[in-house]
Amino acid sequence: MLRVGENGAGKTEIMYSANMSYSQLQKYLNFLISHGFIDRVEVGNPVVTYRVTESGLSLLKSIETLLEVLEFRGAAEL
């Protein structure tokens, strides 16, 4: 969801890109908004887009770093 919202995206685009149901989208989108990782931006009436905040970009970078470390560790154990 954070990657899709880097350049701004609507609910439908996020939902399909993240391969989730509408109820899942609502749950996680509300969580990310309430924690300041995504902003709701009104670009028209009634058009709304969702954009990742600086905190969201920082979170995304941390997640990517953690995944790289876990992947490297997993390969080292083979």
N, C-alpha and C. Protein backbone atom coordinates (compact mmCIF):
# COMPACT_ATOMS: atom_id res chain seq x y z
N MET A 1 0.82 -1.19 0.00
CA MET A 1 0.00 0.00 0.00
C MET A 1 0.86 1.25 0.00
N LEU A 2 1.96 1.21 0.72
CA LEU A 2 2.84 2.38 0.77
C LEU A 2 3.50 2.63 -0.58
N ARG A 3 3.93 1.59 -1.24
CA ARG A 3 4.55 1.75 -2.57
C ARG A 3 3.58 2.35 -3.58
N VAL A 4 2.36 1.85 -3.58
CA VAL A 4 1.36 2.33 -4.53
C VAL A 4 1.07 3.81 -4.29
N GLY A 5 1.08 4.23 -3.04
CA GLY A 5 0.75 5.60 -2.70
C GLY A 5 1.89 6.59 -2.79
N GLU A 6 3.06 6.14 -3.24
CA GLU A 6 4.20 7.06 -3.34
C GLU A 6 3.89 8.24 -4.26
N ASN A 7 3.20 7.99 -5.35
CA ASN A 7 2.86 9.06 -6.30
C ASN A 7 1.40 9.47 -6.20
N GLY A 8 0.71 8.96 -5.21
CA GLY A 8 -0.71 9.23 -5.04
C GLY A 8 -1.53 8.20 -5.80
N ALA A 9 -2.57 7.70 -5.17
CA ALA A 9 -3.42 6.69 -5.79
C ALA A 9 -4.79 6.71 -5.14
N GLY A 10 -5.79 6.30 -5.90
CA GLY A 10 -7.14 6.17 -5.37
C GLY A 10 -7.33 4.83 -4.70
N LYS A 11 -8.47 4.68 -4.04
CA LYS A 11 -8.75 3.43 -3.32
C LYS A 11 -8.74 2.22 -4.25
N THR A 12 -9.36 2.36 -5.42
CA THR A 12 -9.44 1.22 -6.33
C THR A 12 -8.06 0.77 -6.78
N GLU A 13 -7.20 1.72 -7.13
CA GLU A 13 -5.85 1.38 -7.55
C GLU A 13 -5.07 0.70 -6.44
N ILE A 14 -5.19 1.22 -5.23
CA ILE A 14 -4.50 0.62 -4.08
C ILE A 14 -5.03 -0.78 -3.84
N MET A 15 -6.35 -0.93 -3.87
CA MET A 15 -6.98 -2.22 -3.59
C MET A 15 -6.52 -3.29 -4.57
N TYR A 16 -6.52 -2.98 -5.85
CA TYR A 16 -6.11 -3.97 -6.85
C TYR A 16 -4.61 -4.21 -6.83
N SER A 17 -3.83 -3.17 -6.66
CA SER A 17 -2.37 -3.33 -6.64
C SER A 17 -1.91 -4.14 -5.44
N ALA A 18 -2.59 -3.96 -4.31
CA ALA A 18 -2.23 -4.69 -3.09
C ALA A 18 -2.96 -6.02 -2.98
N ASN A 19 -3.84 -6.31 -3.95
CA ASN A 19 -4.58 -7.57 -3.99
C ASN A 19 -5.33 -7.83 -2.68
N MET A 20 -6.17 -6.87 -2.30
CA MET A 20 -6.93 -7.02 -1.08
C MET A 20 -8.40 -6.67 -1.31
N SER A 21 -9.23 -7.11 -0.40
CA SER A 21 -10.66 -6.81 -0.48
C SER A 21 -10.90 -5.37 -0.03
N TYR A 22 -12.12 -4.89 -0.29
CA TYR A 22 -12.46 -3.52 0.10
C TYR A 22 -12.42 -3.37 1.62
N SER A 23 -12.88 -4.37 2.35
CA SER A 23 -12.87 -4.27 3.82
C SER A 23 -11.44 -4.27 4.35
N GLN A 24 -10.56 -5.06 3.74
CA GLN A 24 -9.15 -5.04 4.14
C GLN A 24 -8.53 -3.67 3.84
N LEU A 25 -8.85 -3.15 2.66
CA LEU A 25 -8.34 -1.83 2.27
C LEU A 25 -8.74 -0.78 3.29
N GLN A 26 -10.03 -0.76 3.66
CA GLN A 26 -10.53 0.21 4.63
C GLN A 26 -9.78 0.10 5.96
N LYS A 27 -9.60 -1.12 6.42
CA LYS A 27 -8.94 -1.35 7.71
C LYS A 27 -7.51 -0.83 7.70
N TYR A 28 -6.73 -1.24 6.70
CA TYR A 28 -5.32 -0.86 6.66
C TYR A 28 -5.12 0.60 6.27
N LEU A 29 -5.97 1.12 5.40
CA LEU A 29 -5.88 2.53 5.02
C LEU A 29 -6.17 3.41 6.23
N ASN A 30 -7.19 3.09 6.98
CA ASN A 30 -7.50 3.85 8.20
C ASN A 30 -6.36 3.79 9.20
N PHE A 31 -5.73 2.62 9.34
CA PHE A 31 -4.59 2.47 10.24
C PHE A 31 -3.43 3.36 9.80
N LEU A 32 -3.10 3.30 8.50
CA LEU A 32 -1.97 4.08 7.99
C LEU A 32 -2.23 5.58 8.07
N ILE A 33 -3.46 5.99 7.84
CA ILE A 33 -3.81 7.41 7.95
C ILE A 33 -3.74 7.86 9.41
N SER A 34 -4.30 7.08 10.31
CA SER A 34 -4.33 7.46 11.73
C SER A 34 -2.93 7.52 12.35
N HIS A 35 -1.98 6.78 11.77
CA HIS A 35 -0.61 6.80 12.27
C HIS A 35 0.29 7.74 11.49
N GLY A 36 -0.28 8.48 10.55
CA GLY A 36 0.47 9.50 9.83
C GLY A 36 1.36 8.99 8.72
N PHE A 37 1.11 7.76 8.23
CA PHE A 37 1.93 7.21 7.16
C PHE A 37 1.37 7.52 5.78
N ILE A 38 0.09 7.83 5.72
CA ILE A 38 -0.58 8.18 4.46
C ILE A 38 -1.49 9.37 4.73
N ASP A 39 -1.54 10.29 3.76
CA ASP A 39 -2.46 11.43 3.82
C ASP A 39 -3.58 11.24 2.82
N ARG A 40 -4.76 11.69 3.20
CA ARG A 40 -5.91 11.71 2.30
C ARG A 40 -5.92 13.09 1.66
N VAL A 41 -5.83 13.15 0.33
CA VAL A 41 -5.73 14.42 -0.38
C VAL A 41 -6.92 14.56 -1.33
N GLU A 42 -7.69 15.62 -1.15
CA GLU A 42 -8.81 15.88 -2.05
C GLU A 42 -8.29 16.65 -3.26
N VAL A 43 -8.42 16.05 -4.44
CA VAL A 43 -7.93 16.67 -5.67
C VAL A 43 -9.07 17.16 -6.55
N GLY A 44 -10.26 17.03 -6.09
CA GLY A 44 -11.43 17.47 -6.83
C GLY A 44 -12.67 17.13 -6.03
N ASN A 45 -13.80 17.29 -6.64
CA ASN A 45 -15.03 16.95 -5.95
C ASN A 45 -15.76 15.89 -6.74
N PRO A 46 -15.83 14.68 -6.33
CA PRO A 46 -15.47 14.06 -5.06
C PRO A 46 -14.16 13.26 -5.12
N VAL A 47 -13.27 13.60 -6.01
CA VAL A 47 -12.05 12.81 -6.21
C VAL A 47 -11.09 12.95 -5.02
N VAL A 48 -10.68 11.80 -4.50
CA VAL A 48 -9.75 11.74 -3.37
C VAL A 48 -8.61 10.82 -3.76
N THR A 49 -7.41 11.21 -3.39
CA THR A 49 -6.25 10.34 -3.61
C THR A 49 -5.53 10.19 -2.28
N TYR A 50 -4.74 9.16 -2.18
CA TYR A 50 -3.99 8.89 -0.96
C TYR A 50 -2.51 8.93 -1.29
N ARG A 51 -1.76 9.66 -0.48
CA ARG A 51 -0.34 9.87 -0.75
C ARG A 51 0.47 9.54 0.49
N VAL A 52 1.60 8.89 0.28
CA VAL A 52 2.49 8.52 1.38
C VAL A 52 3.17 9.77 1.94
N THR A 53 3.24 9.87 3.25
CA THR A 53 3.91 10.98 3.93
C THR A 53 5.40 10.68 4.07
N GLU A 54 6.14 11.64 4.59
CA GLU A 54 7.56 11.42 4.85
C GLU A 54 7.75 10.27 5.86
N SER A 55 6.88 10.21 6.85
CA SER A 55 6.94 9.11 7.83
C SER A 55 6.67 7.78 7.14
N GLY A 56 5.73 7.78 6.20
CA GLY A 56 5.42 6.56 5.45
C GLY A 56 6.59 6.12 4.59
N LEU A 57 7.27 7.08 3.96
CA LEU A 57 8.44 6.75 3.16
C LEU A 57 9.56 6.19 4.03
N SER A 58 9.71 6.76 5.22
CA SER A 58 10.71 6.26 6.16
C SER A 58 10.37 4.83 6.60
N LEU A 59 9.09 4.58 6.88
CA LEU A 59 8.65 3.23 7.23
C LEU A 59 8.91 2.25 6.09
N LEU A 60 8.58 2.65 4.88
CA LEU A 60 8.80 1.80 3.71
C LEU A 60 10.28 1.46 3.56
N LYS A 61 11.14 2.44 3.73
CA LYS A 61 12.59 2.21 3.63
C LYS A 61 13.05 1.24 4.72
N SER A 62 12.53 1.40 5.93
CA SER A 62 12.89 0.49 7.03
C SER A 62 12.43 -0.93 6.75
N ILE A 63 11.24 -1.09 6.21
CA ILE A 63 10.72 -2.41 5.87
C ILE A 63 11.59 -3.06 4.79
N GLU A 64 11.95 -2.27 3.77
CA GLU A 64 12.79 -2.81 2.69
C GLU A 64 14.16 -3.23 3.22
N THR A 65 14.73 -2.43 4.12
CA THR A 65 16.03 -2.77 4.72
C THR A 65 15.92 -4.06 5.53
N LEU A 66 14.87 -4.18 6.32
CA LEU A 66 14.66 -5.39 7.13
C LEU A 66 14.51 -6.62 6.24
N LEU A 67 13.77 -6.49 5.16
CA LEU A 67 13.59 -7.62 4.24
C LEU A 67 14.92 -8.02 3.60
N GLU A 68 15.76 -7.04 3.27
CA GLU A 68 17.08 -7.33 2.71
C GLU A 68 17.94 -8.09 3.72
N VAL A 69 17.91 -7.65 4.98
CA VAL A 69 18.69 -8.30 6.03
C VAL A 69 18.20 -9.74 6.23
N LEU A 70 16.90 -9.92 6.27
CA LEU A 70 16.35 -11.27 6.47
C LEU A 70 16.67 -12.18 5.29
N GLU A 71 16.61 -11.62 4.09
CA GLU A 71 16.94 -12.41 2.89
C GLU A 71 18.43 -12.81 2.92
N PHE A 72 19.29 -11.87 3.28
CA PHE A 72 20.72 -12.16 3.35
C PHE A 72 21.01 -13.20 4.41
N ARG A 73 20.36 -13.08 5.56
CA ARG A 73 20.57 -14.02 6.65
C ARG A 73 20.09 -15.42 6.26
N GLY A 74 18.94 -15.46 5.58
CA GLY A 74 18.40 -16.74 5.13
C GLY A 74 19.33 -17.42 4.14
N ALA A 75 19.94 -16.65 3.24
CA ALA A 75 20.86 -17.21 2.25
C ALA A 75 22.15 -17.68 2.93
N ALA A 76 22.59 -16.97 3.97
CA ALA A 76 23.82 -17.31 4.67
C ALA A 76 23.67 -18.63 5.45
N GLU A 77 22.45 -18.95 5.86
CA GLU A 77 22.23 -20.17 6.63
C GLU A 77 22.20 -21.41 5.77
N LEU A 78 22.09 -21.23 4.44
CA LEU A 78 22.09 -22.38 3.56
C LEU A 78 23.46 -22.91 3.48
